[in-house]
Amino acid sequence: MREENLQRLADFSTNVNEPYFLTLSALNAELIQIAPLASGRLLDIGCGNKPYQKMLKQVDSYIGCDIVQSSDNKVDVTSSAMSLPFCSDSFDTVFSSQVIEHVEDHQALCNEAYRVLKSGGHFLLTGPMYWHLHEEPYDFFRFTKHGFRHVLEKAGFEIVKIVSNGGKWAVLGQVLIHTIEGENFRHRRFIRSVNQIFKWLDMKYYDDFNTLNYVVAARKPF
């Protein structure tokens, strides 16, 4: 049974002193690029504390669903992502960030997103290729760009774009922080130095054969 009132991210912003800077800064940069695709009535699957609501402020309404209530009580509807309690063709945009790896049947999530979207609506989706085990035992999958394309096209979507965020140097820096940093070691100077060095390396020698996450924009055909 999922734990109620889990602590969730409440703000998408990050800074160089934080241990997840390499991941969140790269993820946020790509999300900002696809955010203009969101419009009308939006459903956030796995919304948590709705950290991206401010980024997607141009939509007419923002409805969040999640498997349990969040720590800040931001969830509007509690529901499994595999069986959404909404009518077909009822949303202009579906958004889901860093959630798909926690859903037992990721194909069902994509199928449900397709069902509740109106024709021409967009599904904006992110998920990790690299991340440590978290929220165990509800941590099931990691995705390549080819895996995302497969499950989305199988659901009926047209792919607009699939973008990696964070290349091999960002991955290496994040692994280093995860490896050395523990519950009893949160040295700000070390974290800041690793973030600065590996962010610079990633920008100068970017190579996404190994990446942190993928950001995907897909469209339900007319």
Protein backbone atom coordinates (compact mmCIF):
# COMPACT_ATOMS: atom_id res chain seq x y z
CA MET A 1 0.00 0.00 0.00
CA ARG A 2 1.39 3.42 -0.95
CA GLU A 3 2.15 5.73 1.94
CA GLU A 4 -0.14 8.74 2.28
CA ASN A 5 1.15 12.33 2.43
CA LEU A 6 4.54 11.52 0.93
CA GLN A 7 7.03 14.36 0.78
CA ARG A 8 7.10 15.59 -2.81
CA LEU A 9 8.92 18.25 -4.78
CA ALA A 10 7.04 21.52 -4.38
CA ASP A 11 9.12 23.75 -6.67
CA PHE A 12 10.84 22.92 -9.96
CA SER A 13 13.69 25.39 -9.35
CA THR A 14 17.13 24.22 -8.21
CA ASN A 15 20.58 25.64 -7.51
CA VAL A 16 24.18 24.51 -7.66
CA ASN A 17 24.31 23.71 -3.93
CA GLU A 18 21.67 20.99 -4.20
CA PRO A 19 22.51 17.30 -4.74
CA TYR A 20 20.05 16.90 -7.63
CA PHE A 21 21.11 20.05 -9.50
CA LEU A 22 22.64 18.20 -12.46
CA THR A 23 19.43 16.29 -13.05
CA LEU A 24 16.87 19.00 -12.32
CA SER A 25 18.63 21.81 -14.16
CA ALA A 26 18.83 19.71 -17.34
CA LEU A 27 15.26 18.44 -16.96
CA ASN A 28 13.84 21.90 -16.31
CA ALA A 29 15.62 23.41 -19.30
CA GLU A 30 13.94 20.92 -21.65
CA LEU A 31 10.56 21.20 -19.96
CA ILE A 32 10.64 24.98 -20.47
CA GLN A 33 11.19 24.33 -24.18
CA ILE A 34 8.11 22.11 -24.56
CA ALA A 35 5.89 23.98 -22.08
CA PRO A 36 4.30 26.16 -24.84
CA LEU A 37 2.67 23.00 -26.23
CA ALA A 38 0.44 22.84 -23.14
CA SER A 39 -2.96 24.46 -23.52
CA GLY A 40 -6.58 24.36 -22.43
CA ARG A 41 -7.60 21.83 -19.79
CA LEU A 42 -4.53 20.01 -18.42
CA LEU A 43 -4.27 16.77 -16.47
CA ASP A 44 -1.08 16.15 -14.46
CA ILE A 45 -0.68 12.39 -13.87
CA GLY A 46 1.34 11.78 -10.71
CA CYS A 47 1.14 15.45 -9.82
CA GLY A 48 2.50 15.25 -6.27
CA ASN A 49 2.68 18.84 -5.03
CA LYS A 50 2.27 20.23 -8.58
CA PRO A 51 5.79 21.70 -8.85
CA TYR A 52 5.33 22.48 -12.55
CA GLN A 53 2.01 24.31 -12.32
CA LYS A 54 3.73 27.70 -12.42
CA MET A 55 5.71 26.68 -15.49
CA LEU A 56 2.46 25.68 -17.24
CA LYS A 57 0.50 28.71 -16.11
CA GLN A 58 -0.90 29.45 -19.59
CA VAL A 59 -3.39 26.55 -19.39
CA ASP A 60 -7.06 27.22 -18.59
CA SER A 61 -7.29 24.65 -15.78
CA TYR A 62 -4.79 22.38 -14.04
CA ILE A 63 -6.09 19.13 -12.56
CA GLY A 64 -3.72 16.86 -10.68
CA CYS A 65 -4.18 13.18 -9.98
CA ASP A 66 -1.96 10.84 -8.02
CA ILE A 67 -2.12 7.43 -6.37
CA VAL A 68 -2.13 9.05 -2.89
CA GLN A 69 -2.53 12.52 -1.45
CA SER A 70 0.66 14.60 -1.42
CA SER A 71 2.39 16.22 1.54
CA ASP A 72 0.95 19.65 0.66
CA ASN A 73 -2.52 18.27 -0.17
CA LYS A 74 -2.26 19.36 -3.81
CA VAL A 75 -3.79 16.24 -5.36
CA ASP A 76 -7.27 16.92 -6.77
CA VAL A 77 -8.16 13.31 -7.62
CA THR A 78 -6.63 10.15 -6.15
CA SER A 79 -6.43 7.50 -8.82
CA SER A 80 -4.22 4.89 -10.40
CA ALA A 81 -2.52 6.12 -13.57
CA MET A 82 -3.55 2.84 -15.18
CA SER A 83 -7.28 3.55 -14.85
CA LEU A 84 -8.11 7.25 -14.84
CA PRO A 85 -11.58 8.33 -13.64
CA PHE A 86 -12.11 10.80 -16.49
CA CYS A 87 -14.19 10.72 -19.64
CA SER A 88 -12.54 10.07 -22.97
CA ASP A 89 -11.53 13.13 -25.02
CA SER A 90 -11.79 15.44 -22.00
CA PHE A 91 -8.33 17.10 -21.81
CA ASP A 92 -6.30 19.26 -24.17
CA THR A 93 -3.01 18.38 -22.50
CA VAL A 94 -1.74 15.50 -20.37
CA PHE A 95 1.48 16.05 -18.43
CA SER A 96 3.46 13.51 -16.42
CA SER A 97 6.98 14.10 -15.12
CA GLN A 98 9.22 11.45 -13.52
CA VAL A 99 6.26 9.19 -12.77
CA ILE A 100 6.22 6.50 -15.45
CA GLU A 101 9.01 4.50 -13.79
CA HIS A 102 6.75 4.03 -10.74
CA VAL A 103 3.76 2.66 -12.68
CA GLU A 104 3.56 -1.13 -12.84
CA ASP A 105 2.06 -1.08 -16.34
CA HIS A 106 3.61 1.83 -18.23
CA GLN A 107 1.71 0.90 -21.39
CA ALA A 108 -1.58 1.31 -19.53
CA LEU A 109 -0.51 4.81 -18.44
CA CYS A 110 0.19 5.81 -22.05
CA ASN A 111 -3.05 4.20 -23.24
CA GLU A 112 -5.04 6.12 -20.63
CA ALA A 113 -3.30 9.39 -21.53
CA TYR A 114 -4.31 8.79 -25.15
CA ARG A 115 -7.89 7.99 -24.19
CA VAL A 116 -8.53 11.11 -22.10
CA LEU A 117 -6.86 13.47 -24.60
CA LYS A 118 -8.84 15.27 -27.26
CA SER A 119 -7.76 14.82 -30.86
CA GLY A 120 -4.77 17.08 -31.52
CA GLY A 121 -3.95 17.23 -27.81
CA HIS A 122 -0.42 16.84 -26.47
CA PHE A 123 1.06 14.36 -24.03
CA LEU A 124 4.16 15.83 -22.33
CA LEU A 125 6.11 13.10 -20.59
CA THR A 126 9.45 12.72 -18.83
CA GLY A 127 11.24 9.76 -17.33
CA PRO A 128 14.71 8.73 -16.22
CA MET A 129 17.28 6.61 -17.97
CA TYR A 130 19.65 6.94 -15.01
CA TRP A 131 18.50 7.21 -11.41
CA HIS A 132 19.13 5.31 -8.21
CA LEU A 133 16.46 3.12 -6.63
CA HIS A 134 13.84 5.28 -4.92
CA GLU A 135 10.35 4.98 -3.41
CA GLU A 136 10.93 1.26 -3.13
CA PRO A 137 9.36 -1.14 -3.84
CA TYR A 138 7.44 1.06 -6.33
CA ASP A 139 10.36 1.64 -8.67
CA PHE A 140 9.97 -0.55 -11.74
CA PHE A 141 11.54 0.76 -14.96
CA ARG A 142 14.06 2.97 -16.75
CA PHE A 143 13.54 4.11 -20.35
CA THR A 144 15.63 4.68 -23.45
CA LYS A 145 14.41 6.96 -26.23
CA HIS A 146 13.53 3.87 -28.23
CA GLY A 147 11.46 2.51 -25.36
CA PHE A 148 9.51 5.75 -25.11
CA ARG A 149 8.86 5.78 -28.84
CA HIS A 150 7.65 2.18 -28.72
CA VAL A 151 5.13 2.53 -25.90
CA LEU A 152 3.79 5.87 -27.17
CA GLU A 153 3.37 4.78 -30.78
CA LYS A 154 1.79 1.53 -29.57
CA ALA A 155 -0.78 3.69 -27.72
CA GLY A 156 -1.51 5.59 -30.95
CA PHE A 157 0.51 8.77 -30.46
CA GLU A 158 2.53 10.66 -33.03
CA ILE A 159 5.95 11.63 -31.69
CA VAL A 160 6.65 15.37 -31.84
CA LYS A 161 10.07 15.19 -30.20
CA ILE A 162 12.15 13.06 -27.85
CA VAL A 163 15.01 14.97 -26.23
CA SER A 164 17.72 13.70 -23.92
CA ASN A 165 18.68 15.99 -21.06
CA GLY A 166 21.99 15.72 -19.34
CA GLY A 167 24.80 13.95 -21.20
CA LYS A 168 27.48 11.51 -20.06
CA TRP A 169 29.34 14.06 -17.91
CA ALA A 170 26.17 15.06 -16.07
CA VAL A 171 25.44 11.38 -15.48
CA LEU A 172 28.95 10.84 -14.12
CA GLY A 173 28.66 13.85 -11.79
CA GLN A 174 25.25 12.72 -10.52
CA VAL A 175 26.55 9.19 -9.93
CA LEU A 176 29.51 10.62 -8.01
CA ILE A 177 27.18 12.61 -5.74
CA HIS A 178 24.91 9.60 -5.24
CA THR A 179 27.92 7.40 -4.48
CA ILE A 180 29.70 9.63 -1.99
CA GLU A 181 26.80 11.55 -0.52
CA GLY A 182 24.83 9.68 2.13
CA GLU A 183 22.48 10.42 4.93
CA ASN A 184 25.46 11.39 7.09
CA PHE A 185 27.41 13.24 4.40
CA ARG A 186 25.91 16.38 2.96
CA HIS A 187 28.94 18.56 2.40
CA ARG A 188 27.76 21.64 0.52
CA ARG A 189 31.19 22.57 -0.80
CA PHE A 190 31.70 19.08 -2.27
CA ILE A 191 28.25 19.06 -3.87
CA ARG A 192 28.70 22.56 -5.31
CA SER A 193 32.14 21.70 -6.73
CA VAL A 194 30.93 18.50 -8.39
CA ASN A 195 27.91 20.29 -9.84
CA GLN A 196 30.00 23.13 -11.23
CA ILE A 197 32.72 20.93 -12.72
CA PHE A 198 30.45 18.36 -14.31
CA LYS A 199 27.94 20.92 -15.57
CA TRP A 200 30.80 22.68 -17.35
CA LEU A 201 32.11 19.40 -18.77
CA ASP A 202 28.64 18.43 -19.92
CA MET A 203 28.12 21.72 -21.74
CA LYS A 204 31.58 21.67 -23.36
CA TYR A 205 31.72 17.98 -24.29
CA TYR A 206 28.06 17.04 -24.54
CA ASP A 207 27.41 13.42 -25.54
CA ASP A 208 24.03 11.85 -24.82
CA PHE A 209 24.92 8.22 -25.50
CA ASN A 210 24.43 8.07 -21.72
CA THR A 211 21.84 10.47 -20.37
CA LEU A 212 19.93 11.30 -17.22
CA ASN A 213 16.39 11.66 -18.57
CA TYR A 214 14.25 11.96 -21.65
CA VAL A 215 11.60 14.60 -22.28
CA VAL A 216 8.95 13.58 -24.77
CA ALA A 217 6.21 15.49 -26.56
CA ALA A 218 3.59 13.40 -28.37
CA ARG A 219 0.34 14.27 -30.12
CA LYS A 220 -2.96 12.44 -30.40
CA PRO A 221 -3.78 12.52 -34.14
CA PHE A 222 -6.84 14.35 -35.44
